[in-house]
Amino acid sequence: MSISVSEAALRDFLIAHDEQYRELVNEHRKYETRLSELASLHYPNDDEQLEETILKKKKLLLKDQMETIARKFKPSFVSH
């Protein structure tokens, strides 16, 4: 998955200037870290498998929330 320079710049801008977006990004990173840990398990138990499923859904929800915030900024950000 490749993102354009303007999308990367917008993401960096939002991380620096929008507290809600920054918190969502931090939470998204925490989920990604935990998912990596779970993925490295050779034989995850039922609780770990359930945790993985839940974290994947939560991570997607955060990504949707981040995209909603970014969409509000895209028209004005791209025009600069």
PDB file of N, CA and C in Angstrom:
ATOM      1  N   MET A   1       0.846  -1.173   0.000  1.00  0.00           N
ATOM      2  CA  MET A   1       0.000   0.000   0.000  1.00  0.00           C
ATOM      3  C   MET A   1       0.888   1.231   0.000  1.00  0.00           C
ATOM      4  N   SER A   2       0.717   2.066  -0.994  1.00  0.00           N
ATOM      5  CA  SER A   2       1.519   3.272  -1.123  1.00  0.00           C
ATOM      6  C   SER A   2       0.624   4.493  -0.951  1.00  0.00           C
ATOM      7  N   ILE A   3       1.118   5.485  -0.211  1.00  0.00           N
ATOM      8  CA  ILE A   3       0.362   6.717  -0.059  1.00  0.00           C
ATOM      9  C   ILE A   3       1.098   7.829  -0.771  1.00  0.00           C
ATOM     10  N   SER A   4       0.344   8.789  -1.276  1.00  0.00           N
ATOM     11  CA  SER A   4       0.958   9.887  -2.006  1.00  0.00           C
ATOM     12  C   SER A   4       1.676  10.833  -1.033  1.00  0.00           C
ATOM     13  N   VAL A   5       2.506  11.671  -1.600  1.00  0.00           N
ATOM     14  CA  VAL A   5       3.253  12.638  -0.791  1.00  0.00           C
ATOM     15  C   VAL A   5       2.288  13.567  -0.057  1.00  0.00           C
ATOM     16  N   SER A   6       1.224  14.016  -0.749  1.00  0.00           N
ATOM     17  CA  SER A   6       0.280  14.925  -0.103  1.00  0.00           C
ATOM     18  C   SER A   6      -0.469  14.237   1.032  1.00  0.00           C
ATOM     19  N   GLU A   7      -0.780  12.945   0.882  1.00  0.00           N
ATOM     20  CA  GLU A   7      -1.432  12.213   1.963  1.00  0.00           C
ATOM     21  C   GLU A   7      -0.493  12.055   3.154  1.00  0.00           C
ATOM     22  N   ALA A   8       0.777  11.774   2.882  1.00  0.00           N
ATOM     23  CA  ALA A   8       1.760  11.649   3.952  1.00  0.00           C
ATOM     24  C   ALA A   8       1.955  12.991   4.659  1.00  0.00           C
ATOM     25  N   ALA A   9       1.988  14.064   3.884  1.00  0.00           N
ATOM     26  CA  ALA A   9       2.146  15.396   4.468  1.00  0.00           C
ATOM     27  C   ALA A   9       0.933  15.758   5.320  1.00  0.00           C
ATOM     28  N   LEU A  10      -0.256  15.415   4.835  1.00  0.00           N
ATOM     29  CA  LEU A  10      -1.477  15.680   5.603  1.00  0.00           C
ATOM     30  C   LEU A  10      -1.451  14.890   6.902  1.00  0.00           C
ATOM     31  N   ARG A  11      -1.057  13.641   6.832  1.00  0.00           N
ATOM     32  CA  ARG A  11      -0.990  12.796   8.029  1.00  0.00           C
ATOM     33  C   ARG A  11      -0.004  13.408   9.033  1.00  0.00           C
ATOM     34  N   ASP A  12       1.165  13.814   8.564  1.00  0.00           N
ATOM     35  CA  ASP A  12       2.154  14.442   9.446  1.00  0.00           C
ATOM     36  C   ASP A  12       1.615  15.726  10.059  1.00  0.00           C
ATOM     37  N   PHE A  13       0.930  16.524   9.236  1.00  0.00           N
ATOM     38  CA  PHE A  13       0.335  17.774   9.725  1.00  0.00           C
ATOM     39  C   PHE A  13      -0.686  17.486  10.826  1.00  0.00           C
ATOM     40  N   LEU A  14      -1.552  16.506  10.590  1.00  0.00           N
ATOM     41  CA  LEU A  14      -2.587  16.188  11.568  1.00  0.00           C
ATOM     42  C   LEU A  14      -1.995  15.633  12.863  1.00  0.00           C
ATOM     43  N   ILE A  15      -0.971  14.836  12.755  1.00  0.00           N
ATOM     44  CA  ILE A  15      -0.308  14.310  13.954  1.00  0.00           C
ATOM     45  C   ILE A  15       0.266  15.461  14.776  1.00  0.00           C
ATOM     46  N   ALA A  16       0.803  16.455  14.101  1.00  0.00           N
ATOM     47  CA  ALA A  16       1.415  17.587  14.790  1.00  0.00           C
ATOM     48  C   ALA A  16       0.397  18.583  15.346  1.00  0.00           C
ATOM     49  N   HIS A  17      -0.776  18.703  14.681  1.00  0.00           N
ATOM     50  CA  HIS A  17      -1.684  19.794  15.025  1.00  0.00           C
ATOM     51  C   HIS A  17      -3.070  19.386  15.516  1.00  0.00           C
ATOM     52  N   ASP A  18      -3.426  18.122  15.443  1.00  0.00           N
ATOM     53  CA  ASP A  18      -4.768  17.701  15.850  1.00  0.00           C
ATOM     54  C   ASP A  18      -4.638  16.641  16.949  1.00  0.00           C
ATOM     55  N   GLU A  19      -5.014  17.024  18.163  1.00  0.00           N
ATOM     56  CA  GLU A  19      -4.843  16.135  19.311  1.00  0.00           C
ATOM     57  C   GLU A  19      -5.637  14.837  19.161  1.00  0.00           C
ATOM     58  N   GLN A  20      -6.872  14.938  18.697  1.00  0.00           N
ATOM     59  CA  GLN A  20      -7.696  13.741  18.537  1.00  0.00           C
ATOM     60  C   GLN A  20      -7.065  12.780  17.524  1.00  0.00           C
ATOM     61  N   TYR A  21      -6.610  13.314  16.396  1.00  0.00           N
ATOM     62  CA  TYR A  21      -5.965  12.489  15.376  1.00  0.00           C
ATOM     63  C   TYR A  21      -4.713  11.827  15.938  1.00  0.00           C
ATOM     64  N   ARG A  22      -3.926  12.594  16.677  1.00  0.00           N
ATOM     65  CA  ARG A  22      -2.691  12.078  17.271  1.00  0.00           C
ATOM     66  C   ARG A  22      -2.994  10.931  18.243  1.00  0.00           C
ATOM     67  N   GLU A  23      -4.045  11.092  19.055  1.00  0.00           N
ATOM     68  CA  GLU A  23      -4.421  10.031  19.985  1.00  0.00           C
ATOM     69  C   GLU A  23      -4.865   8.772  19.241  1.00  0.00           C
ATOM     70  N   LEU A  24      -5.610   8.953  18.152  1.00  0.00           N
ATOM     71  CA  LEU A  24      -6.038   7.807  17.351  1.00  0.00           C
ATOM     72  C   LEU A  24      -4.834   7.088  16.743  1.00  0.00           C
ATOM     73  N   VAL A  25      -3.869   7.849  16.241  1.00  0.00           N
ATOM     74  CA  VAL A  25      -2.654   7.256  15.665  1.00  0.00           C
ATOM     75  C   VAL A  25      -1.889   6.469  16.731  1.00  0.00           C
ATOM     76  N   ASN A  26      -1.765   7.036  17.922  1.00  0.00           N
ATOM     77  CA  ASN A  26      -1.050   6.340  19.001  1.00  0.00           C
ATOM     78  C   ASN A  26      -1.745   5.041  19.382  1.00  0.00           C
ATOM     79  N   GLU A  27      -3.061   5.084  19.478  1.00  0.00           N
ATOM     80  CA  GLU A  27      -3.825   3.883  19.806  1.00  0.00           C
ATOM     81  C   GLU A  27      -3.692   2.846  18.684  1.00  0.00           C
ATOM     82  N   HIS A  28      -3.742   3.306  17.443  1.00  0.00           N
ATOM     83  CA  HIS A  28      -3.584   2.427  16.281  1.00  0.00           C
ATOM     84  C   HIS A  28      -2.224   1.726  16.337  1.00  0.00           C
ATOM     85  N   ARG A  29      -1.177   2.460  16.713  1.00  0.00           N
ATOM     86  CA  ARG A  29       0.165   1.878  16.828  1.00  0.00           C
ATOM     87  C   ARG A  29       0.230   0.831  17.944  1.00  0.00           C
ATOM     88  N   LYS A  30      -0.436   1.111  19.069  1.00  0.00           N
ATOM     89  CA  LYS A  30      -0.474   0.136  20.166  1.00  0.00           C
ATOM     90  C   LYS A  30      -1.128  -1.162  19.705  1.00  0.00           C
ATOM     91  N   TYR A  31      -2.230  -1.041  18.991  1.00  0.00           N
ATOM     92  CA  TYR A  31      -2.910  -2.232  18.484  1.00  0.00           C
ATOM     93  C   TYR A  31      -2.017  -2.980  17.505  1.00  0.00           C
ATOM     94  N   GLU A  32      -1.329  -2.249  16.643  1.00  0.00           N
ATOM     95  CA  GLU A  32      -0.438  -2.875  15.663  1.00  0.00           C
ATOM     96  C   GLU A  32       0.683  -3.639  16.366  1.00  0.00           C
ATOM     97  N   THR A  33       1.231  -3.042  17.410  1.00  0.00           N
ATOM     98  CA  THR A  33       2.292  -3.693  18.175  1.00  0.00           C
ATOM     99  C   THR A  33       1.787  -4.988  18.805  1.00  0.00           C
ATOM    100  N   ARG A  34       0.631  -4.915  19.430  1.00  0.00           N
ATOM    101  CA  ARG A  34       0.072  -6.111  20.074  1.00  0.00           C
ATOM    102  C   ARG A  34      -0.279  -7.172  19.031  1.00  0.00           C
ATOM    103  N   LEU A  35      -0.813  -6.759  17.907  1.00  0.00           N
ATOM    104  CA  LEU A  35      -1.133  -7.716  16.848  1.00  0.00           C
ATOM    105  C   LEU A  35       0.130  -8.410  16.334  1.00  0.00           C
ATOM    106  N   SER A  36       1.222  -7.695  16.251  1.00  0.00           N
ATOM    107  CA  SER A  36       2.501  -8.296  15.843  1.00  0.00           C
ATOM    108  C   SER A  36       2.949  -9.337  16.862  1.00  0.00           C
ATOM    109  N   GLU A  37       2.770  -9.007  18.137  1.00  0.00           N
ATOM    110  CA  GLU A  37       3.116  -9.969  19.186  1.00  0.00           C
ATOM    111  C   GLU A  37       2.271 -11.230  19.058  1.00  0.00           C
ATOM    112  N   LEU A  38       0.978 -11.041  18.850  1.00  0.00           N
ATOM    113  CA  LEU A  38       0.079 -12.189  18.727  1.00  0.00           C
ATOM    114  C   LEU A  38       0.389 -13.011  17.478  1.00  0.00           C
ATOM    115  N   ALA A  39       0.747 -12.334  16.398  1.00  0.00           N
ATOM    116  CA  ALA A  39       1.061 -13.030  15.150  1.00  0.00           C
ATOM    117  C   ALA A  39       2.314 -13.881  15.278  1.00  0.00           C
ATOM    118  N   SER A  40       3.188 -13.517  16.195  1.00  0.00           N
ATOM    119  CA  SER A  40       4.430 -14.273  16.357  1.00  0.00           C
ATOM    120  C   SER A  40       4.236 -15.550  17.177  1.00  0.00           C
ATOM    121  N   LEU A  41       3.076 -15.698  17.785  1.00  0.00           N
ATOM    122  CA  LEU A  41       2.811 -16.907  18.569  1.00  0.00           C
ATOM    123  C   LEU A  41       2.563 -18.083  17.633  1.00  0.00           C
ATOM    124  N   HIS A  42       3.243 -19.191  17.900  1.00  0.00           N
ATOM    125  CA  HIS A  42       3.074 -20.366  17.045  1.00  0.00           C
ATOM    126  C   HIS A  42       1.747 -21.059  17.297  1.00  0.00           C
ATOM    127  N   TYR A  43       1.339 -21.118  18.554  1.00  0.00           N
ATOM    128  CA  TYR A  43       0.093 -21.799  18.910  1.00  0.00           C
ATOM    129  C   TYR A  43      -0.718 -20.919  19.857  1.00  0.00           C
ATOM    130  N   PRO A  44      -1.370 -19.881  19.314  1.00  0.00           N
ATOM    131  CA  PRO A  44      -2.162 -19.008  20.200  1.00  0.00           C
ATOM    132  C   PRO A  44      -3.346 -19.773  20.798  1.00  0.00           C
ATOM    133  N   ASN A  45      -3.633 -19.467  22.056  1.00  0.00           N
ATOM    134  CA  ASN A  45      -4.791 -20.095  22.685  1.00  0.00           C
ATOM    135  C   ASN A  45      -6.063 -19.365  22.265  1.00  0.00           C
ATOM    136  N   ASP A  46      -7.198 -19.844  22.740  1.00  0.00           N
ATOM    137  CA  ASP A  46      -8.488 -19.261  22.341  1.00  0.00           C
ATOM    138  C   ASP A  46      -8.592 -17.786  22.716  1.00  0.00           C
ATOM    139  N   ASP A  47      -8.118 -17.434  23.900  1.00  0.00           N
ATOM    140  CA  ASP A  47      -8.176 -16.027  24.333  1.00  0.00           C
ATOM    141  C   ASP A  47      -7.320 -15.132  23.440  1.00  0.00           C
ATOM    142  N   GLU A  48      -6.167 -15.619  23.060  1.00  0.00           N
ATOM    143  CA  GLU A  48      -5.281 -14.842  22.189  1.00  0.00           C
ATOM    144  C   GLU A  48      -5.872 -14.696  20.788  1.00  0.00           C
ATOM    145  N   GLN A  49      -6.509 -15.726  20.301  1.00  0.00           N
ATOM    146  CA  GLN A  49      -7.162 -15.644  18.993  1.00  0.00           C
ATOM    147  C   GLN A  49      -8.314 -14.653  19.025  1.00  0.00           C
ATOM    148  N   LEU A  50      -9.081 -14.675  20.115  1.00  0.00           N
ATOM    149  CA  LEU A  50     -10.182 -13.728  20.273  1.00  0.00           C
ATOM    150  C   LEU A  50      -9.643 -12.304  20.375  1.00  0.00           C
ATOM    151  N   GLU A  51      -8.594 -12.121  21.160  1.00  0.00           N
ATOM    152  CA  GLU A  51      -7.964 -10.798  21.290  1.00  0.00           C
ATOM    153  C   GLU A  51      -7.515 -10.284  19.926  1.00  0.00           C
ATOM    154  N   GLU A  52      -6.925 -11.149  19.124  1.00  0.00           N
ATOM    155  CA  GLU A  52      -6.463 -10.750  17.797  1.00  0.00           C
ATOM    156  C   GLU A  52      -7.630 -10.275  16.929  1.00  0.00           C
ATOM    157  N   THR A  53      -8.711 -10.999  16.948  1.00  0.00           N
ATOM    158  CA  THR A  53      -9.891 -10.628  16.164  1.00  0.00           C
ATOM    159  C   THR A  53     -10.459  -9.280  16.617  1.00  0.00           C
ATOM    160  N   ILE A  54     -10.544  -9.107  17.921  1.00  0.00           N
ATOM    161  CA  ILE A  54     -11.076  -7.852  18.472  1.00  0.00           C
ATOM    162  C   ILE A  54     -10.159  -6.680  18.119  1.00  0.00           C
ATOM    163  N   LEU A  55      -8.851  -6.881  18.267  1.00  0.00           N
ATOM    164  CA  LEU A  55      -7.906  -5.802  17.966  1.00  0.00           C
ATOM    165  C   LEU A  55      -7.938  -5.412  16.492  1.00  0.00           C
ATOM    166  N   LYS A  56      -8.090  -6.383  15.617  1.00  0.00           N
ATOM    167  CA  LYS A  56      -8.182  -6.076  14.182  1.00  0.00           C
ATOM    168  C   LYS A  56      -9.392  -5.201  13.900  1.00  0.00           C
ATOM    169  N   LYS A  57     -10.516  -5.505  14.533  1.00  0.00           N
ATOM    170  CA  LYS A  57     -11.731  -4.701  14.330  1.00  0.00           C
ATOM    171  C   LYS A  57     -11.571  -3.304  14.923  1.00  0.00           C
ATOM    172  N   LYS A  58     -10.976  -3.221  16.095  1.00  0.00           N
ATOM    173  CA  LYS A  58     -10.748  -1.916  16.726  1.00  0.00           C
ATOM    174  C   LYS A  58      -9.791  -1.071  15.886  1.00  0.00           C
ATOM    175  N   LYS A  59      -8.770  -1.727  15.345  1.00  0.00           N
ATOM    176  CA  LYS A  59      -7.792  -1.026  14.520  1.00  0.00           C
ATOM    177  C   LYS A  59      -8.456  -0.455  13.264  1.00  0.00           C
ATOM    178  N   LEU A  60      -9.334  -1.234  12.655  1.00  0.00           N
ATOM    179  CA  LEU A  60     -10.070  -0.744  11.481  1.00  0.00           C
ATOM    180  C   LEU A  60     -10.967   0.435  11.836  1.00  0.00           C
ATOM    181  N   LEU A  61     -11.605   0.365  12.985  1.00  0.00           N
ATOM    182  CA  LEU A  61     -12.459   1.459  13.431  1.00  0.00           C
ATOM    183  C   LEU A  61     -11.635   2.735  13.626  1.00  0.00           C
ATOM    184  N   LEU A  62     -10.458   2.599  14.232  1.00  0.00           N
ATOM    185  CA  LEU A  62      -9.583   3.763  14.407  1.00  0.00           C
ATOM    186  C   LEU A  62      -9.168   4.338  13.063  1.00  0.00           C
ATOM    187  N   LYS A  63      -8.854   3.469  12.116  1.00  0.00           N
ATOM    188  CA  LYS A  63      -8.447   3.928  10.786  1.00  0.00           C
ATOM    189  C   LYS A  63      -9.595   4.703  10.127  1.00  0.00           C
ATOM    190  N   ASP A  64     -10.819   4.212  10.282  1.00  0.00           N
ATOM    191  CA  ASP A  64     -11.984   4.931   9.749  1.00  0.00           C
ATOM    192  C   ASP A  64     -12.136   6.305  10.404  1.00  0.00           C
ATOM    193  N   GLN A  65     -11.932   6.367  11.711  1.00  0.00           N
ATOM    194  CA  GLN A  65     -12.029   7.643  12.421  1.00  0.00           C
ATOM    195  C   GLN A  65     -10.934   8.604  11.968  1.00  0.00           C
ATOM    196  N   MET A  66      -9.735   8.093  11.763  1.00  0.00           N
ATOM    197  CA  MET A  66      -8.635   8.930  11.282  1.00  0.00           C
ATOM    198  C   MET A  66      -8.937   9.448   9.880  1.00  0.00           C
ATOM    199  N   GLU A  67      -9.501   8.608   9.037  1.00  0.00           N
ATOM    200  CA  GLU A  67      -9.840   9.018   7.671  1.00  0.00           C
ATOM    201  C   GLU A  67     -10.935  10.078   7.678  1.00  0.00           C
ATOM    202  N   THR A  68     -11.886   9.968   8.583  1.00  0.00           N
ATOM    203  CA  THR A  68     -12.948  10.975   8.691  1.00  0.00           C
ATOM    204  C   THR A  68     -12.354  12.342   9.037  1.00  0.00           C
ATOM    205  N   ILE A  69     -11.423  12.360   9.965  1.00  0.00           N
ATOM    206  CA  ILE A  69     -10.756  13.621  10.326  1.00  0.00           C
ATOM    207  C   ILE A  69      -9.954  14.143   9.137  1.00  0.00           C
ATOM    208  N   ALA A  70      -9.192  13.278   8.488  1.00  0.00           N
ATOM    209  CA  ALA A  70      -8.357  13.693   7.356  1.00  0.00           C
ATOM    210  C   ALA A  70      -9.209  14.250   6.219  1.00  0.00           C
ATOM    211  N   ARG A  71     -10.372  13.647   5.989  1.00  0.00           N
ATOM    212  CA  ARG A  71     -11.248  14.097   4.906  1.00  0.00           C
ATOM    213  C   ARG A  71     -11.677  15.554   5.094  1.00  0.00           C
ATOM    214  N   LYS A  72     -11.844  15.977   6.331  1.00  0.00           N
ATOM    215  CA  LYS A  72     -12.229  17.360   6.615  1.00  0.00           C
ATOM    216  C   LYS A  72     -11.129  18.339   6.207  1.00  0.00           C
ATOM    217  N   PHE A  73      -9.877  17.898   6.284  1.00  0.00           N
ATOM    218  CA  PHE A  73      -8.735  18.760   5.987  1.00  0.00           C
ATOM    219  C   PHE A  73      -8.272  18.683   4.542  1.00  0.00           C
ATOM    220  N   LYS A  74      -8.587  17.603   3.849  1.00  0.00           N
ATOM    221  CA  LYS A  74      -8.032  17.377   2.504  1.00  0.00           C
ATOM    222  C   LYS A  74      -8.269  18.525   1.540  1.00  0.00           C
ATOM    223  N   PRO A  75      -9.481  19.042   1.393  1.00  0.00           N
ATOM    224  CA  PRO A  75      -9.668  20.114   0.397  1.00  0.00           C
ATOM    225  C   PRO A  75      -8.792  21.340   0.651  1.00  0.00           C
ATOM    226  N   SER A  76      -8.719  21.780   1.897  1.00  0.00           N
ATOM    227  CA  SER A  76      -7.925  22.977   2.200  1.00  0.00           C
ATOM    228  C   SER A  76      -6.432  22.658   2.182  1.00  0.00           C
ATOM    229  N   PHE A  77      -6.062  21.465   2.578  1.00  0.00           N
ATOM    230  CA  PHE A  77      -4.644  21.108   2.632  1.00  0.00           C
ATOM    231  C   PHE A  77      -4.066  20.946   1.230  1.00  0.00           C
ATOM    232  N   VAL A  78      -4.816  20.319   0.331  1.00  0.00           N
ATOM    233  CA  VAL A  78      -4.335  20.067  -1.033  1.00  0.00           C
ATOM    234  C   VAL A  78      -4.208  21.358  -1.811  1.00  0.00           C
ATOM    235  N   SER A  79      -5.048  22.348  -1.513  1.00  0.00           N
ATOM    236  CA  SER A  79      -5.011  23.606  -2.264  1.00  0.00           C
ATOM    237  C   SER A  79      -3.813  24.477  -1.910  1.00  0.00           C
ATOM    238  N   HIS A  80      -3.093  24.157  -0.829  1.00  0.00           N
ATOM    239  CA  HIS A  80      -1.927  24.969  -0.440  1.00  0.00           C
ATOM    240  C   HIS A  80      -0.690  24.509  -1.106  1.00  0.00           C
TER     241      HIS A  80
END
